[in-house]
Amino acid sequence: MDNAENIINFIRETLSELPDVKEKKMFQGIAFMVNDKLCIAVRKDTLLCRIGAQQADEELEQGFCIPMINNGRTMKDFVYVDLDSLTGNRQLPYWINLCLQFNPEAKASRKKK
């Protein structure tokens, strides 16, 4: 089992106690939706974390992640974390908690008709 699969399983286990969690194939990987909002995703060698603009700025200053850029536009609430930088599963709970803390404030995407 590779590192991404281990991380997906750890996130799945961590979020299993929450009432409204869904998994979706997105961003060439697996995204975890909490309360119908993208919370965290794993793709190839990166973790996509939705942590809010203010927290993202703080984390970017420390150099532990990079901004998410989509179609040339920086997505201010999101950051990418290199999976190889998550030693053991020690730092993974930190990122999951940041995502869960921001989730109540996050806007849900518009439903497609």
C-alpha atoms as a PDB file:
ATOM      1  CA  MET A   1       0.000   0.000   0.000  1.00  0.00           C
ATOM      2  CA  ASP A   2       1.450   3.400  -0.930  1.00  0.00           C
ATOM      3  CA  ASN A   3       1.645   6.548   1.160  1.00  0.00           C
ATOM      4  CA  ALA A   4      -1.451   8.132  -0.443  1.00  0.00           C
ATOM      5  CA  GLU A   5      -3.536   5.043   0.303  1.00  0.00           C
ATOM      6  CA  ASN A   6      -2.367   5.022   3.926  1.00  0.00           C
ATOM      7  CA  ILE A   7      -3.280   8.702   4.273  1.00  0.00           C
ATOM      8  CA  ILE A   8      -6.712   8.177   2.680  1.00  0.00           C
ATOM      9  CA  ASN A   9      -7.394   5.363   5.140  1.00  0.00           C
ATOM     10  CA  PHE A  10      -6.237   7.486   8.086  1.00  0.00           C
ATOM     11  CA  ILE A  11      -8.523  10.376   7.028  1.00  0.00           C
ATOM     12  CA  ARG A  12     -11.419   7.957   6.446  1.00  0.00           C
ATOM     13  CA  GLU A  13     -10.939   6.536   9.958  1.00  0.00           C
ATOM     14  CA  THR A  14     -10.610   9.993  11.531  1.00  0.00           C
ATOM     15  CA  LEU A  15     -13.779  11.342   9.883  1.00  0.00           C
ATOM     16  CA  SER A  16     -15.817   8.162  10.434  1.00  0.00           C
ATOM     17  CA  GLU A  17     -17.364   9.521  13.653  1.00  0.00           C
ATOM     18  CA  LEU A  18     -18.804  12.609  11.940  1.00  0.00           C
ATOM     19  CA  PRO A  19     -22.471  12.512  10.852  1.00  0.00           C
ATOM     20  CA  ASP A  20     -22.225  13.898   7.281  1.00  0.00           C
ATOM     21  CA  VAL A  21     -19.095  12.717   5.452  1.00  0.00           C
ATOM     22  CA  LYS A  22     -18.990  11.616   1.829  1.00  0.00           C
ATOM     23  CA  GLU A  23     -16.118  10.542  -0.377  1.00  0.00           C
ATOM     24  CA  LYS A  24     -15.951  11.733  -3.982  1.00  0.00           C
ATOM     25  CA  LYS A  25     -13.492  11.220  -6.789  1.00  0.00           C
ATOM     26  CA  MET A  26     -12.185  14.725  -7.460  1.00  0.00           C
ATOM     27  CA  PHE A  27      -8.903  16.442  -8.344  1.00  0.00           C
ATOM     28  CA  GLN A  28      -7.464  13.161  -9.661  1.00  0.00           C
ATOM     29  CA  GLY A  29      -7.872  11.640  -6.211  1.00  0.00           C
ATOM     30  CA  ILE A  30     -10.285  11.203  -3.307  1.00  0.00           C
ATOM     31  CA  ALA A  31     -12.020  14.197  -1.726  1.00  0.00           C
ATOM     32  CA  PHE A  32     -13.772  14.117   1.615  1.00  0.00           C
ATOM     33  CA  MET A  33     -16.919  16.222   1.779  1.00  0.00           C
ATOM     34  CA  VAL A  34     -18.092  17.256   5.245  1.00  0.00           C
ATOM     35  CA  ASN A  35     -21.584  18.776   5.438  1.00  0.00           C
ATOM     36  CA  ASP A  36     -21.667  18.851   1.612  1.00  0.00           C
ATOM     37  CA  LYS A  37     -18.519  21.023   1.509  1.00  0.00           C
ATOM     38  CA  LEU A  38     -15.074  20.046   0.302  1.00  0.00           C
ATOM     39  CA  CYS A  39     -12.964  19.590   3.427  1.00  0.00           C
ATOM     40  CA  ILE A  40      -9.794  17.683   2.497  1.00  0.00           C
ATOM     41  CA  ALA A  41      -8.561  15.680  -0.490  1.00  0.00           C
ATOM     42  CA  VAL A  42      -5.706  13.339  -1.336  1.00  0.00           C
ATOM     43  CA  ARG A  43      -4.278  13.216  -4.832  1.00  0.00           C
ATOM     44  CA  LYS A  44      -1.133  11.439  -6.001  1.00  0.00           C
ATOM     45  CA  ASP A  45       1.528  13.079  -3.835  1.00  0.00           C
ATOM     46  CA  THR A  46      -0.358  16.002  -2.266  1.00  0.00           C
ATOM     47  CA  LEU A  47      -2.958  16.714   0.368  1.00  0.00           C
ATOM     48  CA  LEU A  48      -5.439  19.475  -0.521  1.00  0.00           C
ATOM     49  CA  CYS A  49      -6.551  21.254   2.640  1.00  0.00           C
ATOM     50  CA  ARG A  50      -9.398  23.777   2.860  1.00  0.00           C
ATOM     51  CA  ILE A  51      -8.346  25.819   5.879  1.00  0.00           C
ATOM     52  CA  GLY A  52      -9.487  29.373   5.142  1.00  0.00           C
ATOM     53  CA  ALA A  53      -7.538  32.370   3.869  1.00  0.00           C
ATOM     54  CA  GLN A  54      -6.223  33.575   7.232  1.00  0.00           C
ATOM     55  CA  GLN A  55      -4.938  30.146   8.320  1.00  0.00           C
ATOM     56  CA  ALA A  56      -3.560  29.522   4.824  1.00  0.00           C
ATOM     57  CA  ASP A  57      -1.518  32.738   5.043  1.00  0.00           C
ATOM     58  CA  GLU A  58      -0.085  31.638   8.404  1.00  0.00           C
ATOM     59  CA  GLU A  59       0.828  28.166   7.115  1.00  0.00           C
ATOM     60  CA  LEU A  60       2.305  29.534   3.878  1.00  0.00           C
ATOM     61  CA  GLU A  61       4.556  31.870   5.907  1.00  0.00           C
ATOM     62  CA  GLN A  62       5.930  28.848   7.764  1.00  0.00           C
ATOM     63  CA  GLY A  63       6.686  27.119   4.461  1.00  0.00           C
ATOM     64  CA  PHE A  64       4.898  23.823   5.183  1.00  0.00           C
ATOM     65  CA  CYS A  65       2.587  24.091   2.173  1.00  0.00           C
ATOM     66  CA  ILE A  66       2.043  25.825  -1.162  1.00  0.00           C
ATOM     67  CA  PRO A  67      -0.992  27.767  -2.426  1.00  0.00           C
ATOM     68  CA  MET A  68      -3.582  26.078  -4.613  1.00  0.00           C
ATOM     69  CA  ILE A  69      -3.601  27.705  -8.040  1.00  0.00           C
ATOM     70  CA  ASN A  70      -6.491  26.855 -10.349  1.00  0.00           C
ATOM     71  CA  ASN A  71      -6.574  28.246 -13.902  1.00  0.00           C
ATOM     72  CA  GLY A  72      -4.002  30.872 -12.940  1.00  0.00           C
ATOM     73  CA  ARG A  73      -6.019  32.027  -9.920  1.00  0.00           C
ATOM     74  CA  THR A  74      -4.894  31.485  -6.324  1.00  0.00           C
ATOM     75  CA  MET A  75      -7.608  29.772  -4.330  1.00  0.00           C
ATOM     76  CA  LYS A  76      -7.195  31.644  -1.044  1.00  0.00           C
ATOM     77  CA  ASP A  77      -8.903  29.114   1.266  1.00  0.00           C
ATOM     78  CA  PHE A  78      -6.881  26.119   0.016  1.00  0.00           C
ATOM     79  CA  VAL A  79      -3.297  24.867   0.325  1.00  0.00           C
ATOM     80  CA  TYR A  80      -1.382  21.826  -0.900  1.00  0.00           C
ATOM     81  CA  VAL A  81       0.768  19.830   1.506  1.00  0.00           C
ATOM     82  CA  ASP A  82       3.379  17.414   0.162  1.00  0.00           C
ATOM     83  CA  LEU A  83       2.471  13.904   1.361  1.00  0.00           C
ATOM     84  CA  ASP A  84       6.140  13.071   1.916  1.00  0.00           C
ATOM     85  CA  SER A  85       6.355  15.885   4.485  1.00  0.00           C
ATOM     86  CA  LEU A  86       3.768  14.117   6.673  1.00  0.00           C
ATOM     87  CA  THR A  87       6.075  11.974   8.788  1.00  0.00           C
ATOM     88  CA  GLY A  88       4.317   8.979  10.258  1.00  0.00           C
ATOM     89  CA  ASN A  89       0.804  10.207  10.891  1.00  0.00           C
ATOM     90  CA  ARG A  90       1.981  12.814  13.346  1.00  0.00           C
ATOM     91  CA  GLN A  91       1.296  15.910  11.259  1.00  0.00           C
ATOM     92  CA  LEU A  92      -1.730  14.577   9.410  1.00  0.00           C
ATOM     93  CA  PRO A  93      -4.100  15.072  12.391  1.00  0.00           C
ATOM     94  CA  TYR A  94      -2.968  18.720  12.539  1.00  0.00           C
ATOM     95  CA  TRP A  95      -4.055  19.346   8.929  1.00  0.00           C
ATOM     96  CA  ILE A  96      -7.298  17.384   9.332  1.00  0.00           C
ATOM     97  CA  ASN A  97      -8.175  19.464  12.409  1.00  0.00           C
ATOM     98  CA  LEU A  98      -7.478  22.734  10.557  1.00  0.00           C
ATOM     99  CA  CYS A  99      -9.825  21.599   7.778  1.00  0.00           C
ATOM    100  CA  LEU A 100     -12.553  20.597  10.235  1.00  0.00           C
ATOM    101  CA  GLN A 101     -12.237  23.894  12.139  1.00  0.00           C
ATOM    102  CA  PHE A 102     -12.778  25.885   8.941  1.00  0.00           C
ATOM    103  CA  ASN A 103     -15.583  23.659   7.592  1.00  0.00           C
ATOM    104  CA  PRO A 104     -18.485  25.435   9.406  1.00  0.00           C
ATOM    105  CA  GLU A 105     -17.382  28.761   7.828  1.00  0.00           C
ATOM    106  CA  ALA A 106     -16.741  27.345   4.359  1.00  0.00           C
ATOM    107  CA  LYS A 107     -19.281  28.065   1.664  1.00  0.00           C
ATOM    108  CA  ALA A 108     -20.955  25.091   0.028  1.00  0.00           C
ATOM    109  CA  SER A 109     -20.571  24.930  -3.732  1.00  0.00           C
ATOM    110  CA  ARG A 110     -23.658  25.546  -5.787  1.00  0.00           C
ATOM    111  CA  LYS A 111     -25.631  22.426  -6.613  1.00  0.00           C
ATOM    112  CA  LYS A 112     -25.720  21.539 -10.304  1.00  0.00           C
ATOM    113  CA  LYS A 113     -29.203  21.236 -11.768  1.00  0.00           C
END
